[in-house]
Amino acid sequence: MAVTSDIVESWHHPRRVVQRHLSRERSEAFVFTFLFVFLLLSFVALWPGQARAAFEAKNQPLSPRLLAVALALLATVPLWYGLAALSHLMARVLGGQGDFYRARVALFWALVVISPGLLLQGLVAGMIGPGPQLLLVQIVISLAFLVLWLSMLREAERKP
């Protein structure tokens, strides 16, 4: 299936889609691709807010801001791997029977699934700016991510 179709289906049946990804042949490169797609879409999502900030602060051009955002996103790669490992260890304490690979698939796929919401958040940040609208979008996206990720992690921690 196409990634876009999987994203849409994941909003309705997250456990089914993550199970489909887990049933593929194990490939760290494949899982890293999910993280890379998320980071790329996050960069695009942060662009409008940075453009707005550069416009409002006349003496700070957009290019250095975008470079800083890109480097900051790249610096988060170890944090995402660490969060996946921590989630597996927490699930193991609660009776999970998966492994670190399956936890990475669940987390990284949940990040990809939430990416359209991040793009919406970027548009709100760029067009409206800080305020209650942006806060509402951030809260809704955060809650959606948490629900999707926990659902996918639950599936990933079932006995393989």
C-alpha atoms as a PDB file:
ATOM      1  CA  MET A   1       0.000   0.000   0.000  1.00  0.00           C
ATOM      2  CA  ALA A   2       0.999   3.606  -0.455  1.00  0.00           C
ATOM      3  CA  VAL A   3       2.222   5.495   2.577  1.00  0.00           C
ATOM      4  CA  THR A   4      -0.605   8.011   2.246  1.00  0.00           C
ATOM      5  CA  SER A   5      -3.206   5.240   2.239  1.00  0.00           C
ATOM      6  CA  ASP A   6      -1.588   3.699   5.304  1.00  0.00           C
ATOM      7  CA  ILE A   7      -1.638   7.068   7.068  1.00  0.00           C
ATOM      8  CA  VAL A   8      -5.343   7.521   6.422  1.00  0.00           C
ATOM      9  CA  GLU A   9      -6.110   3.944   7.454  1.00  0.00           C
ATOM     10  CA  SER A  10      -4.025   4.361  10.615  1.00  0.00           C
ATOM     11  CA  TRP A  11      -6.401   7.029  11.871  1.00  0.00           C
ATOM     12  CA  HIS A  12      -9.214   4.444  11.835  1.00  0.00           C
ATOM     13  CA  HIS A  13      -7.359   1.176  12.451  1.00  0.00           C
ATOM     14  CA  PRO A  14      -3.899   1.935  13.875  1.00  0.00           C
ATOM     15  CA  ARG A  15      -3.311  -1.557  15.229  1.00  0.00           C
ATOM     16  CA  ARG A  16      -4.092  -3.216  11.901  1.00  0.00           C
ATOM     17  CA  VAL A  17      -1.663  -0.997   9.989  1.00  0.00           C
ATOM     18  CA  VAL A  18       1.178  -1.303  12.484  1.00  0.00           C
ATOM     19  CA  GLN A  19       0.672  -5.075  12.492  1.00  0.00           C
ATOM     20  CA  ARG A  20       1.026  -5.052   8.717  1.00  0.00           C
ATOM     21  CA  HIS A  21       4.325  -3.155   9.070  1.00  0.00           C
ATOM     22  CA  LEU A  22       5.491  -5.516  11.801  1.00  0.00           C
ATOM     23  CA  SER A  23       4.771  -8.548   9.624  1.00  0.00           C
ATOM     24  CA  ARG A  24       7.256  -7.349   6.994  1.00  0.00           C
ATOM     25  CA  GLU A  25      10.793  -8.644   6.943  1.00  0.00           C
ATOM     26  CA  ARG A  26      12.850  -6.888   9.642  1.00  0.00           C
ATOM     27  CA  SER A  27      14.782  -3.973   8.238  1.00  0.00           C
ATOM     28  CA  GLU A  28      16.321  -1.187  10.290  1.00  0.00           C
ATOM     29  CA  ALA A  29      16.579   0.897   7.130  1.00  0.00           C
ATOM     30  CA  PHE A  30      12.824   0.578   6.608  1.00  0.00           C
ATOM     31  CA  VAL A  31      12.090   1.701  10.170  1.00  0.00           C
ATOM     32  CA  PHE A  32      14.568   4.580   9.914  1.00  0.00           C
ATOM     33  CA  THR A  33      12.736   5.689   6.782  1.00  0.00           C
ATOM     34  CA  PHE A  34       9.658   6.309   8.926  1.00  0.00           C
ATOM     35  CA  LEU A  35      11.685   8.516  11.239  1.00  0.00           C
ATOM     36  CA  PHE A  36      13.274  10.309   8.296  1.00  0.00           C
ATOM     37  CA  VAL A  37       9.879  11.016   6.715  1.00  0.00           C
ATOM     38  CA  PHE A  38       8.632  12.387  10.031  1.00  0.00           C
ATOM     39  CA  LEU A  39      11.671  14.643  10.416  1.00  0.00           C
ATOM     40  CA  LEU A  40      11.357  15.888   6.837  1.00  0.00           C
ATOM     41  CA  LEU A  41       7.654  16.680   7.246  1.00  0.00           C
ATOM     42  CA  SER A  42       8.364  18.302  10.613  1.00  0.00           C
ATOM     43  CA  PHE A  43      10.891  20.576   8.920  1.00  0.00           C
ATOM     44  CA  VAL A  44       8.306  21.548   6.316  1.00  0.00           C
ATOM     45  CA  ALA A  45       5.725  22.091   9.072  1.00  0.00           C
ATOM     46  CA  LEU A  46       8.037  24.395  11.010  1.00  0.00           C
ATOM     47  CA  TRP A  47       8.861  26.495   7.955  1.00  0.00           C
ATOM     48  CA  PRO A  48       5.775  28.815   8.002  1.00  0.00           C
ATOM     49  CA  GLY A  49       6.269  29.690  11.671  1.00  0.00           C
ATOM     50  CA  GLN A  50       9.929  30.462  11.058  1.00  0.00           C
ATOM     51  CA  ALA A  51       9.019  32.557   8.025  1.00  0.00           C
ATOM     52  CA  ARG A  52       6.570  34.534  10.146  1.00  0.00           C
ATOM     53  CA  ALA A  53       9.164  35.027  12.888  1.00  0.00           C
ATOM     54  CA  ALA A  54      11.774  36.163  10.336  1.00  0.00           C
ATOM     55  CA  PHE A  55       9.297  38.614   8.838  1.00  0.00           C
ATOM     56  CA  GLU A  56       8.421  40.045  12.244  1.00  0.00           C
ATOM     57  CA  ALA A  57      12.100  40.306  13.308  1.00  0.00           C
ATOM     58  CA  LYS A  58      13.320  42.257  10.287  1.00  0.00           C
ATOM     59  CA  ASN A  59      17.025  41.802  11.118  1.00  0.00           C
ATOM     60  CA  GLN A  60      16.968  37.969  11.215  1.00  0.00           C
ATOM     61  CA  PRO A  61      16.862  36.306   7.782  1.00  0.00           C
ATOM     62  CA  LEU A  62      14.971  33.079   7.181  1.00  0.00           C
ATOM     63  CA  SER A  63      17.894  30.930   5.942  1.00  0.00           C
ATOM     64  CA  PRO A  64      19.817  30.754   9.237  1.00  0.00           C
ATOM     65  CA  ARG A  65      16.583  30.050  11.079  1.00  0.00           C
ATOM     66  CA  LEU A  66      15.791  27.115   8.791  1.00  0.00           C
ATOM     67  CA  LEU A  67      19.327  25.764   9.114  1.00  0.00           C
ATOM     68  CA  ALA A  68      19.004  25.874  12.895  1.00  0.00           C
ATOM     69  CA  VAL A  69      15.651  24.064  12.727  1.00  0.00           C
ATOM     70  CA  ALA A  70      17.085  21.373  10.439  1.00  0.00           C
ATOM     71  CA  LEU A  71      20.062  20.787  12.716  1.00  0.00           C
ATOM     72  CA  ALA A  72      17.836  20.715  15.790  1.00  0.00           C
ATOM     73  CA  LEU A  73      15.588  18.110  14.169  1.00  0.00           C
ATOM     74  CA  LEU A  74      18.598  15.970  13.260  1.00  0.00           C
ATOM     75  CA  ALA A  75      19.775  16.200  16.855  1.00  0.00           C
ATOM     76  CA  THR A  76      16.523  14.576  17.988  1.00  0.00           C
ATOM     77  CA  VAL A  77      17.236  11.260  16.230  1.00  0.00           C
ATOM     78  CA  PRO A  78      18.912   9.661  19.277  1.00  0.00           C
ATOM     79  CA  LEU A  79      16.088  10.946  21.476  1.00  0.00           C
ATOM     80  CA  TRP A  80      13.470   9.152  19.354  1.00  0.00           C
ATOM     81  CA  TYR A  81      15.448   5.912  19.532  1.00  0.00           C
ATOM     82  CA  GLY A  82      15.781   6.368  23.284  1.00  0.00           C
ATOM     83  CA  LEU A  83      12.047   7.014  23.674  1.00  0.00           C
ATOM     84  CA  ALA A  84      11.261   3.851  21.706  1.00  0.00           C
ATOM     85  CA  ALA A  85      13.611   1.840  23.926  1.00  0.00           C
ATOM     86  CA  LEU A  86      12.149   3.356  27.075  1.00  0.00           C
ATOM     87  CA  SER A  87       8.607   2.618  25.908  1.00  0.00           C
ATOM     88  CA  HIS A  88       9.565  -1.014  25.278  1.00  0.00           C
ATOM     89  CA  LEU A  89      11.104  -1.323  28.731  1.00  0.00           C
ATOM     90  CA  MET A  90       7.995   0.199  30.334  1.00  0.00           C
ATOM     91  CA  ALA A  91       5.780  -2.147  28.333  1.00  0.00           C
ATOM     92  CA  ARG A  92       7.962  -5.089  29.363  1.00  0.00           C
ATOM     93  CA  VAL A  93       7.352  -4.178  33.029  1.00  0.00           C
ATOM     94  CA  LEU A  94       3.619  -4.156  32.299  1.00  0.00           C
ATOM     95  CA  GLY A  95       3.739  -7.577  30.630  1.00  0.00           C
ATOM     96  CA  GLY A  96       4.690  -6.685  27.059  1.00  0.00           C
ATOM     97  CA  GLN A  97       6.299  -9.423  25.001  1.00  0.00           C
ATOM     98  CA  GLY A  98       7.628  -7.471  22.039  1.00  0.00           C
ATOM     99  CA  ASP A  99      11.160  -6.282  21.428  1.00  0.00           C
ATOM    100  CA  PHE A 100      13.015  -3.034  20.773  1.00  0.00           C
ATOM    101  CA  TYR A 101      12.540  -3.281  17.009  1.00  0.00           C
ATOM    102  CA  ARG A 102       8.771  -3.587  17.333  1.00  0.00           C
ATOM    103  CA  ALA A 103       8.682  -0.617  19.715  1.00  0.00           C
ATOM    104  CA  ARG A 104      10.606   1.471  17.159  1.00  0.00           C
ATOM    105  CA  VAL A 105       8.146   0.520  14.425  1.00  0.00           C
ATOM    106  CA  ALA A 106       5.224   1.570  16.635  1.00  0.00           C
ATOM    107  CA  LEU A 107       6.742   4.916  17.625  1.00  0.00           C
ATOM    108  CA  PHE A 108       8.152   5.883  14.251  1.00  0.00           C
ATOM    109  CA  TRP A 109       4.973   4.922  12.413  1.00  0.00           C
ATOM    110  CA  ALA A 110       2.888   6.907  14.924  1.00  0.00           C
ATOM    111  CA  LEU A 111       5.116   9.906  14.194  1.00  0.00           C
ATOM    112  CA  VAL A 112       4.499   9.533  10.461  1.00  0.00           C
ATOM    113  CA  VAL A 113       0.751   9.205  11.014  1.00  0.00           C
ATOM    114  CA  ILE A 114       0.638  12.432  13.009  1.00  0.00           C
ATOM    115  CA  SER A 115       2.600  14.368  10.350  1.00  0.00           C
ATOM    116  CA  PRO A 116      -0.462  15.791   8.556  1.00  0.00           C
ATOM    117  CA  GLY A 117      -1.489  17.284  11.891  1.00  0.00           C
ATOM    118  CA  LEU A 118       1.948  18.843  12.209  1.00  0.00           C
ATOM    119  CA  LEU A 119       1.523  20.397   8.779  1.00  0.00           C
ATOM    120  CA  LEU A 120      -1.774  21.903   9.957  1.00  0.00           C
ATOM    121  CA  GLN A 121      -0.046  23.168  13.081  1.00  0.00           C
ATOM    122  CA  GLY A 122       2.624  24.786  10.899  1.00  0.00           C
ATOM    123  CA  LEU A 123       0.003  26.540   8.816  1.00  0.00           C
ATOM    124  CA  VAL A 124      -1.712  27.871  11.925  1.00  0.00           C
ATOM    125  CA  ALA A 125       1.637  29.037  13.327  1.00  0.00           C
ATOM    126  CA  GLY A 126       2.512  30.777  10.072  1.00  0.00           C
ATOM    127  CA  MET A 127      -0.852  32.314   9.242  1.00  0.00           C
ATOM    128  CA  ILE A 128      -2.349  33.104  12.652  1.00  0.00           C
ATOM    129  CA  GLY A 129       0.681  33.019  14.918  1.00  0.00           C
ATOM    130  CA  PRO A 130       0.780  32.375  18.653  1.00  0.00           C
ATOM    131  CA  GLY A 131      -2.566  32.349  20.394  1.00  0.00           C
ATOM    132  CA  PRO A 132      -5.432  30.150  21.524  1.00  0.00           C
ATOM    133  CA  GLN A 133      -5.948  28.672  18.058  1.00  0.00           C
ATOM    134  CA  LEU A 134      -2.379  27.413  17.861  1.00  0.00           C
ATOM    135  CA  LEU A 135      -2.555  26.093  21.418  1.00  0.00           C
ATOM    136  CA  LEU A 136      -5.770  24.207  20.634  1.00  0.00           C
ATOM    137  CA  VAL A 137      -4.238  22.627  17.533  1.00  0.00           C
ATOM    138  CA  GLN A 138      -1.124  21.632  19.502  1.00  0.00           C
ATOM    139  CA  ILE A 139      -3.200  20.022  22.248  1.00  0.00           C
ATOM    140  CA  VAL A 140      -5.386  18.088  19.812  1.00  0.00           C
ATOM    141  CA  ILE A 141      -2.365  16.855  17.844  1.00  0.00           C
ATOM    142  CA  SER A 142      -0.508  15.861  21.014  1.00  0.00           C
ATOM    143  CA  LEU A 143      -3.478  13.885  22.322  1.00  0.00           C
ATOM    144  CA  ALA A 144      -4.019  12.226  18.946  1.00  0.00           C
ATOM    145  CA  PHE A 145      -0.354  11.230  18.829  1.00  0.00           C
ATOM    146  CA  LEU A 146      -0.496   9.795  22.320  1.00  0.00           C
ATOM    147  CA  VAL A 147      -3.612   7.729  21.583  1.00  0.00           C
ATOM    148  CA  LEU A 148      -2.240   6.450  18.262  1.00  0.00           C
ATOM    149  CA  TRP A 149       1.179   5.641  19.662  1.00  0.00           C
ATOM    150  CA  LEU A 150      -0.131   3.797  22.708  1.00  0.00           C
ATOM    151  CA  SER A 151      -2.508   1.799  20.528  1.00  0.00           C
ATOM    152  CA  MET A 152       0.303   0.871  18.164  1.00  0.00           C
ATOM    153  CA  LEU A 153       2.683   0.102  21.017  1.00  0.00           C
ATOM    154  CA  ARG A 154       0.090  -2.191  22.550  1.00  0.00           C
ATOM    155  CA  GLU A 155      -0.066  -4.106  19.277  1.00  0.00           C
ATOM    156  CA  ALA A 156       3.733  -4.166  18.979  1.00  0.00           C
ATOM    157  CA  GLU A 157       4.112  -5.563  22.490  1.00  0.00           C
ATOM    158  CA  ARG A 158       1.759  -8.493  21.911  1.00  0.00           C
ATOM    159  CA  LYS A 159       3.427 -11.868  21.596  1.00  0.00           C
ATOM    160  CA  PRO A 160       5.018 -11.956  18.120  1.00  0.00           C
END
